[in-house]
Amino acid sequence: MKIPNQKCLRGLLLIALAWVPALHAAPKVGVLLKGRTAFWAEAEKGAKEAAEKYGIDLVVKTPPTENSMSAQLQMLNALAAQGIQALVIAANDQNAMQAPVAELAKKGVKIIALDSPLMGEAGMVFVGTDQTAAGAAAGKLMASFVKSGEEIVFFRASESLSGGATEQRENAALAALHEAVPGAVVRGNIFAGGEPEIAFQRAGLLLEKYPSAKAVFASSTLGTMSILHALEQKHLGGSIKVVGFGYNLNKEVMEALEQGKLHGWIAQLPRTAGFKAVETAATLLKGGEVPAVVRSDFFVITKENLSDAKIQTLLSP
């Protein structure tokens, strides 16, 4: 029998070693977020932390704004072309994304819906805040500030997007408010949109259009901050009760709560949600079982509980 020489053996060894990474390649997970805002930047941080912990090859894509439905669809197609094995998607439009995501699921891609649930095959697992509970909590807090017959304005997030997390919280807040104060007069035909300058202009318009409003509910971070800035500009800070949605806790929000200019801050935890979404993908790819719904917490922050140790941990550096 002919014995391979040393040079030949080295060549065979190199070939064998070259196959090792291929055999043990990290699973590829695509993360498709809603827009380039601070909220989604936090979610991306959490996703990357989970990817590092669980040995995931992570590909993150984010459209310019939360209204960029066509851009998000293009990014979905790009992720599919890269051969992802799991997809974490925060859909800008549930209806538009339903069919293409369902097609990926049929091809064996594990689907994790983040923040906004998807139906049927497109929504294998949902990770995110219980928006109905969070919205109801906001509505109950609003109800404590107004009486029957008084006017309340809902500063909604977007007229173009439907069926997602924001609409769920808006509907739940409205239902809880009406249940607690059936005679409350609710106005809700002004939308913040996705651009800071436009949101600020619309916040000013809202205050001009409804000068008798006793309270404002803002269903997005941008809407909340825009209302606070518009009130400050008009020297009305503190004269109208404001309850808003956001995430974590920052110094500006903390000061507004302390000074009585903001009366409720519903804080979501996007970094936690991002982490849990990729963690769920890792479990599914290993053949593990996960619940159909994985929740991330939210906090109702007011001046009264602002100093609580648990709330202070949410404060951004």
C-alpha atoms as a PDB file:
ATOM      1  CA  MET A   1       0.000   0.000   0.000  1.00  0.00           C
ATOM      2  CA  LYS A   2       1.316   3.423  -0.996  1.00  0.00           C
ATOM      3  CA  ILE A   3       1.713   5.774   2.013  1.00  0.00           C
ATOM      4  CA  PRO A   4       0.935   9.455   1.275  1.00  0.00           C
ATOM      5  CA  ASN A   5       3.951  11.710   1.650  1.00  0.00           C
ATOM      6  CA  GLN A   6       4.098  14.515   4.220  1.00  0.00           C
ATOM      7  CA  LYS A   7       3.198  17.228   1.678  1.00  0.00           C
ATOM      8  CA  CYS A   8       0.092  15.320   0.627  1.00  0.00           C
ATOM      9  CA  LEU A   9      -0.985  14.800   4.244  1.00  0.00           C
ATOM     10  CA  ARG A  10      -0.672  18.538   4.915  1.00  0.00           C
ATOM     11  CA  GLY A  11      -2.870  19.258   1.918  1.00  0.00           C
ATOM     12  CA  LEU A  12      -5.540  16.837   3.094  1.00  0.00           C
ATOM     13  CA  LEU A  13      -5.452  18.392   6.568  1.00  0.00           C
ATOM     14  CA  LEU A  14      -5.942  21.902   5.153  1.00  0.00           C
ATOM     15  CA  ILE A  15      -8.921  20.726   3.099  1.00  0.00           C
ATOM     16  CA  ALA A  16     -10.473  19.104   6.168  1.00  0.00           C
ATOM     17  CA  LEU A  17      -9.958  22.227   8.259  1.00  0.00           C
ATOM     18  CA  ALA A  18     -11.517  24.368   5.541  1.00  0.00           C
ATOM     19  CA  TRP A  19     -14.719  22.355   5.893  1.00  0.00           C
ATOM     20  CA  VAL A  20     -14.995  22.858   9.665  1.00  0.00           C
ATOM     21  CA  PRO A  21     -16.423  26.419   9.568  1.00  0.00           C
ATOM     22  CA  ALA A  22     -18.934  25.382   6.901  1.00  0.00           C
ATOM     23  CA  LEU A  23     -20.108  22.455   8.973  1.00  0.00           C
ATOM     24  CA  HIS A  24     -20.439  24.600  12.090  1.00  0.00           C
ATOM     25  CA  ALA A  25     -21.496  27.909  10.520  1.00  0.00           C
ATOM     26  CA  ALA A  26     -23.474  30.195  12.785  1.00  0.00           C
ATOM     27  CA  PRO A  27     -27.211  30.261  12.008  1.00  0.00           C
ATOM     28  CA  LYS A  28     -28.177  33.371  10.061  1.00  0.00           C
ATOM     29  CA  VAL A  29     -30.999  35.503  11.450  1.00  0.00           C
ATOM     30  CA  GLY A  30     -32.433  38.555   9.723  1.00  0.00           C
ATOM     31  CA  VAL A  31     -33.823  41.442  11.760  1.00  0.00           C
ATOM     32  CA  LEU A  32     -36.069  43.897   9.924  1.00  0.00           C
ATOM     33  CA  LEU A  33     -37.025  46.914  12.025  1.00  0.00           C
ATOM     34  CA  LYS A  34     -39.539  49.727  11.433  1.00  0.00           C
ATOM     35  CA  GLY A  35     -37.458  52.883  11.147  1.00  0.00           C
ATOM     36  CA  ARG A  36     -34.315  54.762  12.113  1.00  0.00           C
ATOM     37  CA  THR A  37     -35.463  56.158  15.431  1.00  0.00           C
ATOM     38  CA  ALA A  38     -33.939  55.960  18.903  1.00  0.00           C
ATOM     39  CA  PHE A  39     -36.587  53.378  19.868  1.00  0.00           C
ATOM     40  CA  TRP A  40     -35.500  50.986  17.127  1.00  0.00           C
ATOM     41  CA  ALA A  41     -31.833  51.700  17.769  1.00  0.00           C
ATOM     42  CA  GLU A  42     -32.452  50.364  21.293  1.00  0.00           C
ATOM     43  CA  ALA A  43     -34.181  47.276  19.893  1.00  0.00           C
ATOM     44  CA  GLU A  44     -31.197  46.692  17.604  1.00  0.00           C
ATOM     45  CA  LYS A  45     -28.816  46.867  20.574  1.00  0.00           C
ATOM     46  CA  GLY A  46     -30.796  44.163  22.337  1.00  0.00           C
ATOM     47  CA  ALA A  47     -30.872  42.007  19.208  1.00  0.00           C
ATOM     48  CA  LYS A  48     -27.093  42.262  18.823  1.00  0.00           C
ATOM     49  CA  GLU A  49     -26.540  41.372  22.483  1.00  0.00           C
ATOM     50  CA  ALA A  50     -28.613  38.214  22.050  1.00  0.00           C
ATOM     51  CA  ALA A  51     -26.799  37.365  18.787  1.00  0.00           C
ATOM     52  CA  GLU A  52     -23.449  37.574  20.552  1.00  0.00           C
ATOM     53  CA  LYS A  53     -24.667  35.457  23.454  1.00  0.00           C
ATOM     54  CA  TYR A  54     -26.163  32.709  21.296  1.00  0.00           C
ATOM     55  CA  GLY A  55     -23.661  32.668  18.419  1.00  0.00           C
ATOM     56  CA  ILE A  56     -25.982  34.090  15.765  1.00  0.00           C
ATOM     57  CA  ASP A  57     -24.905  35.569  12.434  1.00  0.00           C
ATOM     58  CA  LEU A  58     -27.163  38.636  12.561  1.00  0.00           C
ATOM     59  CA  VAL A  59     -28.183  40.785   9.593  1.00  0.00           C
ATOM     60  CA  VAL A  60     -30.093  43.949  10.549  1.00  0.00           C
ATOM     61  CA  LYS A  61     -31.972  46.167   8.111  1.00  0.00           C
ATOM     62  CA  THR A  62     -33.949  49.312   8.882  1.00  0.00           C
ATOM     63  CA  PRO A  63     -35.928  51.536   6.485  1.00  0.00           C
ATOM     64  CA  PRO A  64     -35.526  55.335   6.720  1.00  0.00           C
ATOM     65  CA  THR A  65     -38.877  55.968   8.435  1.00  0.00           C
ATOM     66  CA  GLU A  66     -41.787  54.009   9.868  1.00  0.00           C
ATOM     67  CA  ASN A  67     -43.847  55.058   6.851  1.00  0.00           C
ATOM     68  CA  SER A  68     -41.393  53.425   4.398  1.00  0.00           C
ATOM     69  CA  MET A  69     -43.499  50.398   3.542  1.00  0.00           C
ATOM     70  CA  SER A  70     -42.030  49.875   0.060  1.00  0.00           C
ATOM     71  CA  ALA A  71     -38.477  50.170   1.438  1.00  0.00           C
ATOM     72  CA  GLN A  72     -39.255  47.610   4.134  1.00  0.00           C
ATOM     73  CA  LEU A  73     -40.599  45.183   1.538  1.00  0.00           C
ATOM     74  CA  GLN A  74     -37.431  45.573  -0.546  1.00  0.00           C
ATOM     75  CA  MET A  75     -35.322  44.887   2.540  1.00  0.00           C
ATOM     76  CA  LEU A  76     -37.375  41.787   3.285  1.00  0.00           C
ATOM     77  CA  ASN A  77     -36.616  40.466  -0.199  1.00  0.00           C
ATOM     78  CA  ALA A  78     -32.923  41.241   0.300  1.00  0.00           C
ATOM     79  CA  LEU A  79     -32.838  39.296   3.564  1.00  0.00           C
ATOM     80  CA  ALA A  80     -34.583  36.349   1.925  1.00  0.00           C
ATOM     81  CA  ALA A  81     -31.931  36.365  -0.830  1.00  0.00           C
ATOM     82  CA  GLN A  82     -29.192  36.141   1.818  1.00  0.00           C
ATOM     83  CA  GLY A  83     -30.468  32.765   2.969  1.00  0.00           C
ATOM     84  CA  ILE A  84     -31.662  33.653   6.456  1.00  0.00           C
ATOM     85  CA  GLN A  85     -32.909  30.775   8.595  1.00  0.00           C
ATOM     86  CA  ALA A  86     -35.031  32.943  10.896  1.00  0.00           C
ATOM     87  CA  LEU A  87     -36.614  36.366  10.566  1.00  0.00           C
ATOM     88  CA  VAL A  88     -37.398  38.880  13.297  1.00  0.00           C
ATOM     89  CA  ILE A  89     -39.716  41.455  11.759  1.00  0.00           C
ATOM     90  CA  ALA A  90     -41.364  44.585  13.125  1.00  0.00           C
ATOM     91  CA  ALA A  91     -43.821  45.154  10.295  1.00  0.00           C
ATOM     92  CA  ASN A  92     -44.708  48.721   9.352  1.00  0.00           C
ATOM     93  CA  ASP A  93     -47.901  47.510   7.710  1.00  0.00           C
ATOM     94  CA  GLN A  94     -49.399  44.184   8.746  1.00  0.00           C
ATOM     95  CA  ASN A  95     -51.494  43.832   5.601  1.00  0.00           C
ATOM     96  CA  ALA A  96     -48.628  44.565   3.203  1.00  0.00           C
ATOM     97  CA  MET A  97     -46.217  42.180   4.942  1.00  0.00           C
ATOM     98  CA  GLN A  98     -48.620  39.316   5.581  1.00  0.00           C
ATOM     99  CA  ALA A  99     -48.220  37.450   2.275  1.00  0.00           C
ATOM    100  CA  PRO A 100     -44.442  37.809   1.675  1.00  0.00           C
ATOM    101  CA  VAL A 101     -43.633  36.788   5.247  1.00  0.00           C
ATOM    102  CA  ALA A 102     -45.998  33.809   4.991  1.00  0.00           C
ATOM    103  CA  GLU A 103     -44.113  32.699   1.861  1.00  0.00           C
ATOM    104  CA  LEU A 104     -40.848  32.713   3.802  1.00  0.00           C
ATOM    105  CA  ALA A 105     -42.481  30.659   6.555  1.00  0.00           C
ATOM    106  CA  LYS A 106     -43.556  28.052   3.972  1.00  0.00           C
ATOM    107  CA  LYS A 107     -39.895  27.732   2.951  1.00  0.00           C
ATOM    108  CA  GLY A 108     -38.938  26.836   6.504  1.00  0.00           C
ATOM    109  CA  VAL A 109     -37.810  30.236   7.775  1.00  0.00           C
ATOM    110  CA  LYS A 110     -38.677  30.705  11.445  1.00  0.00           C
ATOM    111  CA  ILE A 111     -40.773  33.861  11.881  1.00  0.00           C
ATOM    112  CA  ILE A 112     -40.739  36.052  14.978  1.00  0.00           C
ATOM    113  CA  ALA A 113     -42.998  39.110  14.852  1.00  0.00           C
ATOM    114  CA  LEU A 114     -41.628  41.968  16.949  1.00  0.00           C
ATOM    115  CA  ASP A 115     -43.775  44.789  18.363  1.00  0.00           C
ATOM    116  CA  SER A 116     -46.623  44.333  15.842  1.00  0.00           C
ATOM    117  CA  PRO A 117     -48.158  40.854  15.519  1.00  0.00           C
ATOM    118  CA  LEU A 118     -48.729  39.103  12.197  1.00  0.00           C
ATOM    119  CA  MET A 119     -51.564  36.667  11.599  1.00  0.00           C
ATOM    120  CA  GLY A 120     -51.563  33.042  10.437  1.00  0.00           C
ATOM    121  CA  GLU A 121     -48.386  31.439   9.116  1.00  0.00           C
ATOM    122  CA  ALA A 122     -46.724  34.848   8.958  1.00  0.00           C
ATOM    123  CA  GLY A 123     -46.809  35.208  12.724  1.00  0.00           C
ATOM    124  CA  MET A 124     -45.331  32.060  14.240  1.00  0.00           C
ATOM    125  CA  VAL A 125     -44.260  33.799  17.464  1.00  0.00           C
ATOM    126  CA  PHE A 126     -44.926  37.308  18.744  1.00  0.00           C
ATOM    127  CA  VAL A 127     -42.478  39.215  20.971  1.00  0.00           C
ATOM    128  CA  GLY A 128     -43.418  42.577  22.413  1.00  0.00           C
ATOM    129  CA  THR A 129     -45.377  44.723  24.812  1.00  0.00           C
ATOM    130  CA  ASP A 130     -48.977  43.894  25.613  1.00  0.00           C
ATOM    131  CA  GLN A 131     -50.249  46.985  23.818  1.00  0.00           C
ATOM    132  CA  THR A 132     -53.838  46.424  24.891  1.00  0.00           C
ATOM    133  CA  ALA A 133     -52.831  46.390  28.562  1.00  0.00           C
ATOM    134  CA  ALA A 134     -50.477  49.350  28.110  1.00  0.00           C
ATOM    135  CA  GLY A 135     -53.129  51.358  26.265  1.00  0.00           C
ATOM    136  CA  ALA A 136     -55.749  50.538  28.875  1.00  0.00           C
ATOM    137  CA  ALA A 137     -53.380  51.683  31.624  1.00  0.00           C
ATOM    138  CA  ALA A 138     -52.917  54.990  29.786  1.00  0.00           C
ATOM    139  CA  GLY A 139     -56.675  55.386  29.327  1.00  0.00           C
ATOM    140  CA  LYS A 140     -57.360  54.794  33.019  1.00  0.00           C
ATOM    141  CA  LEU A 141     -54.712  57.328  33.972  1.00  0.00           C
ATOM    142  CA  MET A 142     -56.249  59.861  31.567  1.00  0.00           C
ATOM    143  CA  ALA A 143     -59.660  59.223  33.098  1.00  0.00           C
ATOM    144  CA  SER A 144     -58.362  60.259  36.511  1.00  0.00           C
ATOM    145  CA  PHE A 145     -57.660  63.756  35.163  1.00  0.00           C
ATOM    146  CA  VAL A 146     -60.980  64.586  33.500  1.00  0.00           C
ATOM    147  CA  LYS A 147     -64.702  64.747  34.204  1.00  0.00           C
ATOM    148  CA  SER A 148     -67.762  64.018  32.108  1.00  0.00           C
ATOM    149  CA  GLY A 149     -68.266  66.633  29.420  1.00  0.00           C
ATOM    150  CA  GLU A 150     -64.640  67.751  29.346  1.00  0.00           C
ATOM    151  CA  GLU A 151     -62.627  67.611  26.143  1.00  0.00           C
ATOM    152  CA  ILE A 152     -59.701  65.250  25.618  1.00  0.00           C
ATOM    153  CA  VAL A 153     -57.535  65.138  22.493  1.00  0.00           C
ATOM    154  CA  PHE A 154     -55.902  61.978  21.166  1.00  0.00           C
ATOM    155  CA  PHE A 155     -52.704  62.908  19.308  1.00  0.00           C
ATOM    156  CA  ARG A 156     -52.490  59.774  17.218  1.00  0.00           C
ATOM    157  CA  ALA A 157     -49.314  58.466  15.606  1.00  0.00           C
ATOM    158  CA  SER A 158     -50.118  57.894  11.946  1.00  0.00           C
ATOM    159  CA  GLU A 159     -53.100  57.965   9.642  1.00  0.00           C
ATOM    160  CA  SER A 160     -51.493  55.678   7.054  1.00  0.00           C
ATOM    161  CA  LEU A 161     -50.480  52.729   9.239  1.00  0.00           C
ATOM    162  CA  SER A 162     -53.109  50.347  10.573  1.00  0.00           C
ATOM    163  CA  GLY A 163     -53.405  47.205  12.639  1.00  0.00           C
ATOM    164  CA  GLY A 164     -50.078  47.570  14.419  1.00  0.00           C
ATOM    165  CA  ALA A 165     -48.906  48.185  17.950  1.00  0.00           C
ATOM    166  CA  THR A 166     -49.759  51.883  17.970  1.00  0.00           C
ATOM    167  CA  GLU A 167     -53.326  51.377  16.801  1.00  0.00           C
ATOM    168  CA  GLN A 168     -53.806  48.656  19.426  1.00  0.00           C
ATOM    169  CA  ARG A 169     -52.737  50.967  22.243  1.00  0.00           C
ATOM    170  CA  GLU A 170     -54.827  53.851  20.876  1.00  0.00           C
ATOM    171  CA  ASN A 171     -57.961  51.706  20.725  1.00  0.00           C
ATOM    172  CA  ALA A 172     -57.362  50.263  24.194  1.00  0.00           C
ATOM    173  CA  ALA A 173     -56.760  53.721  25.702  1.00  0.00           C
ATOM    174  CA  LEU A 174     -59.942  55.066  24.139  1.00  0.00           C
ATOM    175  CA  ALA A 175     -62.003  52.111  25.367  1.00  0.00           C
ATOM    176  CA  ALA A 176     -60.655  52.402  28.934  1.00  0.00           C
ATOM    177  CA  LEU A 177     -61.286  56.152  28.971  1.00  0.00           C
ATOM    178  CA  HIS A 178     -64.880  55.808  27.770  1.00  0.00           C
ATOM    179  CA  GLU A 179     -65.532  53.052  30.289  1.00  0.00           C
ATOM    180  CA  ALA A 180     -64.291  55.194  33.172  1.00  0.00           C
ATOM    181  CA  VAL A 181     -65.720  58.536  31.966  1.00  0.00           C
ATOM    182  CA  PRO A 182     -68.566  57.791  29.497  1.00  0.00           C
ATOM    183  CA  GLY A 183     -69.336  61.475  29.025  1.00  0.00           C
ATOM    184  CA  ALA A 184     -65.822  62.530  28.045  1.00  0.00           C
ATOM    185  CA  VAL A 185     -65.608  64.358  24.703  1.00  0.00           C
ATOM    186  CA  VAL A 186     -62.789  62.846  22.661  1.00  0.00           C
ATOM    187  CA  ARG A 187     -61.184  64.490  19.628  1.00  0.00           C
ATOM    188  CA  GLY A 188     -58.754  62.485  17.516  1.00  0.00           C
ATOM    189  CA  ASN A 189     -58.333  63.742  13.975  1.00  0.00           C
ATOM    190  CA  ILE A 190     -54.753  65.074  14.173  1.00  0.00           C
ATOM    191  CA  PHE A 191     -51.791  62.762  13.571  1.00  0.00           C
ATOM    192  CA  ALA A 192     -48.165  63.288  14.571  1.00  0.00           C
ATOM    193  CA  GLY A 193     -46.655  61.449  11.591  1.00  0.00           C
ATOM    194  CA  GLY A 194     -43.018  60.380  11.487  1.00  0.00           C
ATOM    195  CA  GLU A 195     -41.045  63.605  11.016  1.00  0.00           C
ATOM    196  CA  PRO A 196     -40.056  65.763  14.042  1.00  0.00           C
ATOM    197  CA  GLU A 197     -40.705  69.141  12.390  1.00  0.00           C
ATOM    198  CA  ILE A 198     -44.098  68.094  11.075  1.00  0.00           C
ATOM    199  CA  ALA A 199     -45.069  66.527  14.419  1.00  0.00           C
ATOM    200  CA  PHE A 200     -44.193  69.773  16.232  1.00  0.00           C
ATOM    201  CA  GLN A 201     -46.279  71.815  13.779  1.00  0.00           C
ATOM    202  CA  ARG A 202     -49.228  69.470  14.201  1.00  0.00           C
ATOM    203  CA  ALA A 203     -48.915  69.583  17.972  1.00  0.00           C
ATOM    204  CA  GLY A 204     -49.228  73.364  17.778  1.00  0.00           C
ATOM    205  CA  LEU A 205     -52.225  73.010  15.463  1.00  0.00           C
ATOM    206  CA  LEU A 206     -53.856  70.623  17.923  1.00  0.00           C
ATOM    207  CA  LEU A 207     -53.539  73.133  20.769  1.00  0.00           C
ATOM    208  CA  GLU A 208     -54.946  75.927  18.593  1.00  0.00           C
ATOM    209  CA  LYS A 209     -57.833  73.822  17.304  1.00  0.00           C
ATOM    210  CA  TYR A 210     -58.872  72.569  20.751  1.00  0.00           C
ATOM    211  CA  PRO A 211     -58.134  75.403  23.221  1.00  0.00           C
ATOM    212  CA  SER A 212     -60.637  73.982  25.735  1.00  0.00           C
ATOM    213  CA  ALA A 213     -58.923  70.592  25.970  1.00  0.00           C
ATOM    214  CA  LYS A 214     -58.250  69.475  29.516  1.00  0.00           C
ATOM    215  CA  ALA A 215     -55.934  66.632  28.552  1.00  0.00           C
ATOM    216  CA  VAL A 216     -53.913  65.201  25.664  1.00  0.00           C
ATOM    217  CA  PHE A 217     -53.018  61.575  25.064  1.00  0.00           C
ATOM    218  CA  ALA A 218     -50.051  61.052  22.706  1.00  0.00           C
ATOM    219  CA  SER A 219     -49.632  57.496  21.429  1.00  0.00           C
ATOM    220  CA  SER A 220     -46.017  57.763  20.249  1.00  0.00           C
ATOM    221  CA  THR A 221     -42.705  59.033  21.595  1.00  0.00           C
ATOM    222  CA  LEU A 222     -42.494  61.663  18.865  1.00  0.00           C
ATOM    223  CA  GLY A 223     -46.045  62.809  19.540  1.00  0.00           C
ATOM    224  CA  THR A 224     -45.453  63.044  23.280  1.00  0.00           C
ATOM    225  CA  MET A 225     -42.284  65.105  22.972  1.00  0.00           C
ATOM    226  CA  SER A 226     -43.856  67.341  20.319  1.00  0.00           C
ATOM    227  CA  ILE A 227     -46.829  68.143  22.557  1.00  0.00           C
ATOM    228  CA  LEU A 228     -44.517  68.958  25.464  1.00  0.00           C
ATOM    229  CA  HIS A 229     -42.414  71.280  23.275  1.00  0.00           C
ATOM    230  CA  ALA A 230     -45.494  72.978  21.784  1.00  0.00           C
ATOM    231  CA  LEU A 231     -46.961  73.581  25.249  1.00  0.00           C
ATOM    232  CA  GLU A 232     -43.637  74.999  26.414  1.00  0.00           C
ATOM    233  CA  GLN A 233     -43.449  77.334  23.421  1.00  0.00           C
ATOM    234  CA  LYS A 234     -46.943  78.652  24.153  1.00  0.00           C
ATOM    235  CA  HIS A 235     -46.141  78.973  27.885  1.00  0.00           C
ATOM    236  CA  LEU A 236     -48.850  76.433  28.667  1.00  0.00           C
ATOM    237  CA  GLY A 237     -46.682  73.752  30.294  1.00  0.00           C
ATOM    238  CA  GLY A 238     -48.606  72.170  33.161  1.00  0.00           C
ATOM    239  CA  SER A 239     -51.956  73.730  32.235  1.00  0.00           C
ATOM    240  CA  ILE A 240     -53.061  70.668  30.256  1.00  0.00           C
ATOM    241  CA  LYS A 241     -52.705  67.099  31.497  1.00  0.00           C
ATOM    242  CA  VAL A 242     -50.462  65.068  29.193  1.00  0.00           C
ATOM    243  CA  VAL A 243     -50.109  61.286  29.107  1.00  0.00           C
ATOM    244  CA  GLY A 244     -47.748  59.866  26.527  1.00  0.00           C
ATOM    245  CA  PHE A 245     -46.080  56.717  25.246  1.00  0.00           C
ATOM    246  CA  GLY A 246     -42.354  56.257  24.961  1.00  0.00           C
ATOM    247  CA  TYR A 247     -39.559  53.973  26.038  1.00  0.00           C
ATOM    248  CA  ASN A 248     -37.174  53.775  28.974  1.00  0.00           C
ATOM    249  CA  LEU A 249     -36.762  57.103  30.803  1.00  0.00           C
ATOM    250  CA  ASN A 250     -34.684  60.105  29.770  1.00  0.00           C
ATOM    251  CA  LYS A 251     -33.740  63.294  31.601  1.00  0.00           C
ATOM    252  CA  GLU A 252     -36.158  65.513  29.679  1.00  0.00           C
ATOM    253  CA  VAL A 253     -39.092  63.236  30.475  1.00  0.00           C
ATOM    254  CA  MET A 254     -38.020  62.919  34.098  1.00  0.00           C
ATOM    255  CA  GLU A 255     -37.863  66.722  34.477  1.00  0.00           C
ATOM    256  CA  ALA A 256     -41.267  67.131  32.784  1.00  0.00           C
ATOM    257  CA  LEU A 257     -42.764  64.650  35.257  1.00  0.00           C
ATOM    258  CA  GLU A 258     -41.113  66.362  38.213  1.00  0.00           C
ATOM    259  CA  GLN A 259     -42.333  69.800  37.100  1.00  0.00           C
ATOM    260  CA  GLY A 260     -45.913  68.681  36.463  1.00  0.00           C
ATOM    261  CA  LYS A 261     -45.705  69.253  32.697  1.00  0.00           C
ATOM    262  CA  LEU A 262     -46.075  65.543  31.911  1.00  0.00           C
ATOM    263  CA  HIS A 263     -48.512  63.502  33.981  1.00  0.00           C
ATOM    264  CA  GLY A 264     -47.921  59.975  32.749  1.00  0.00           C
ATOM    265  CA  TRP A 265     -45.220  58.215  30.724  1.00  0.00           C
ATOM    266  CA  ILE A 266     -45.919  54.685  29.495  1.00  0.00           C
ATOM    267  CA  ALA A 267     -42.415  53.292  29.119  1.00  0.00           C
ATOM    268  CA  GLN A 268     -41.753  50.346  26.847  1.00  0.00           C
ATOM    269  CA  LEU A 269     -38.473  48.410  26.886  1.00  0.00           C
ATOM    270  CA  PRO A 270     -37.317  48.004  23.263  1.00  0.00           C
ATOM    271  CA  ARG A 271     -33.869  46.703  24.143  1.00  0.00           C
ATOM    272  CA  THR A 272     -35.409  43.873  26.146  1.00  0.00           C
ATOM    273  CA  ALA A 273     -37.836  43.119  23.316  1.00  0.00           C
ATOM    274  CA  GLY A 274     -35.022  43.033  20.740  1.00  0.00           C
ATOM    275  CA  PHE A 275     -33.011  40.673  22.914  1.00  0.00           C
ATOM    276  CA  LYS A 276     -35.957  38.347  23.519  1.00  0.00           C
ATOM    277  CA  ALA A 277     -36.817  38.245  19.816  1.00  0.00           C
ATOM    278  CA  VAL A 278     -33.371  37.018  18.748  1.00  0.00           C
ATOM    279  CA  GLU A 279     -33.190  34.723  21.777  1.00  0.00           C
ATOM    280  CA  THR A 280     -36.482  33.186  20.622  1.00  0.00           C
ATOM    281  CA  ALA A 281     -35.080  32.743  17.109  1.00  0.00           C
ATOM    282  CA  ALA A 282     -32.021  30.958  18.541  1.00  0.00           C
ATOM    283  CA  THR A 283     -34.244  28.590  20.528  1.00  0.00           C
ATOM    284  CA  LEU A 284     -36.403  27.758  17.509  1.00  0.00           C
ATOM    285  CA  LEU A 285     -33.370  27.099  15.312  1.00  0.00           C
ATOM    286  CA  LYS A 286     -32.075  24.629  17.898  1.00  0.00           C
ATOM    287  CA  GLY A 287     -35.394  22.774  17.777  1.00  0.00           C
ATOM    288  CA  GLY A 288     -36.585  24.112  21.112  1.00  0.00           C
ATOM    289  CA  GLU A 289     -40.112  25.096  22.070  1.00  0.00           C
ATOM    290  CA  VAL A 290     -41.226  28.659  22.772  1.00  0.00           C
ATOM    291  CA  PRO A 291     -44.579  30.140  23.748  1.00  0.00           C
ATOM    292  CA  ALA A 292     -46.688  31.743  21.020  1.00  0.00           C
ATOM    293  CA  VAL A 293     -46.403  35.092  22.811  1.00  0.00           C
ATOM    294  CA  VAL A 294     -43.278  36.380  24.578  1.00  0.00           C
ATOM    295  CA  ARG A 295     -43.900  39.570  26.524  1.00  0.00           C
ATOM    296  CA  SER A 296     -41.590  42.454  27.348  1.00  0.00           C
ATOM    297  CA  ASP A 297     -42.607  44.662  30.266  1.00  0.00           C
ATOM    298  CA  PHE A 298     -43.888  48.218  30.325  1.00  0.00           C
ATOM    299  CA  PHE A 299     -44.048  50.742  33.158  1.00  0.00           C
ATOM    300  CA  VAL A 300     -46.583  53.456  33.974  1.00  0.00           C
ATOM    301  CA  ILE A 301     -44.445  56.290  35.323  1.00  0.00           C
ATOM    302  CA  THR A 302     -45.882  59.276  37.169  1.00  0.00           C
ATOM    303  CA  LYS A 303     -44.483  61.915  39.480  1.00  0.00           C
ATOM    304  CA  GLU A 304     -45.556  59.758  42.423  1.00  0.00           C
ATOM    305  CA  ASN A 305     -43.445  56.698  41.523  1.00  0.00           C
ATOM    306  CA  LEU A 306     -40.621  58.479  39.685  1.00  0.00           C
ATOM    307  CA  SER A 307     -38.155  58.017  42.538  1.00  0.00           C
ATOM    308  CA  ASP A 308     -38.756  54.259  42.868  1.00  0.00           C
ATOM    309  CA  ALA A 309     -35.539  52.291  42.462  1.00  0.00           C
ATOM    310  CA  LYS A 310     -36.997  50.114  39.695  1.00  0.00           C
ATOM    311  CA  ILE A 311     -38.078  53.168  37.718  1.00  0.00           C
ATOM    312  CA  GLN A 312     -34.698  54.869  38.127  1.00  0.00           C
ATOM    313  CA  THR A 313     -32.985  51.883  36.507  1.00  0.00           C
ATOM    314  CA  LEU A 314     -34.761  52.847  33.278  1.00  0.00           C
ATOM    315  CA  LEU A 315     -32.992  56.218  33.164  1.00  0.00           C
ATOM    316  CA  SER A 316     -30.794  56.520  30.090  1.00  0.00           C
ATOM    317  CA  PRO A 317     -27.214  57.709  30.731  1.00  0.00           C
END
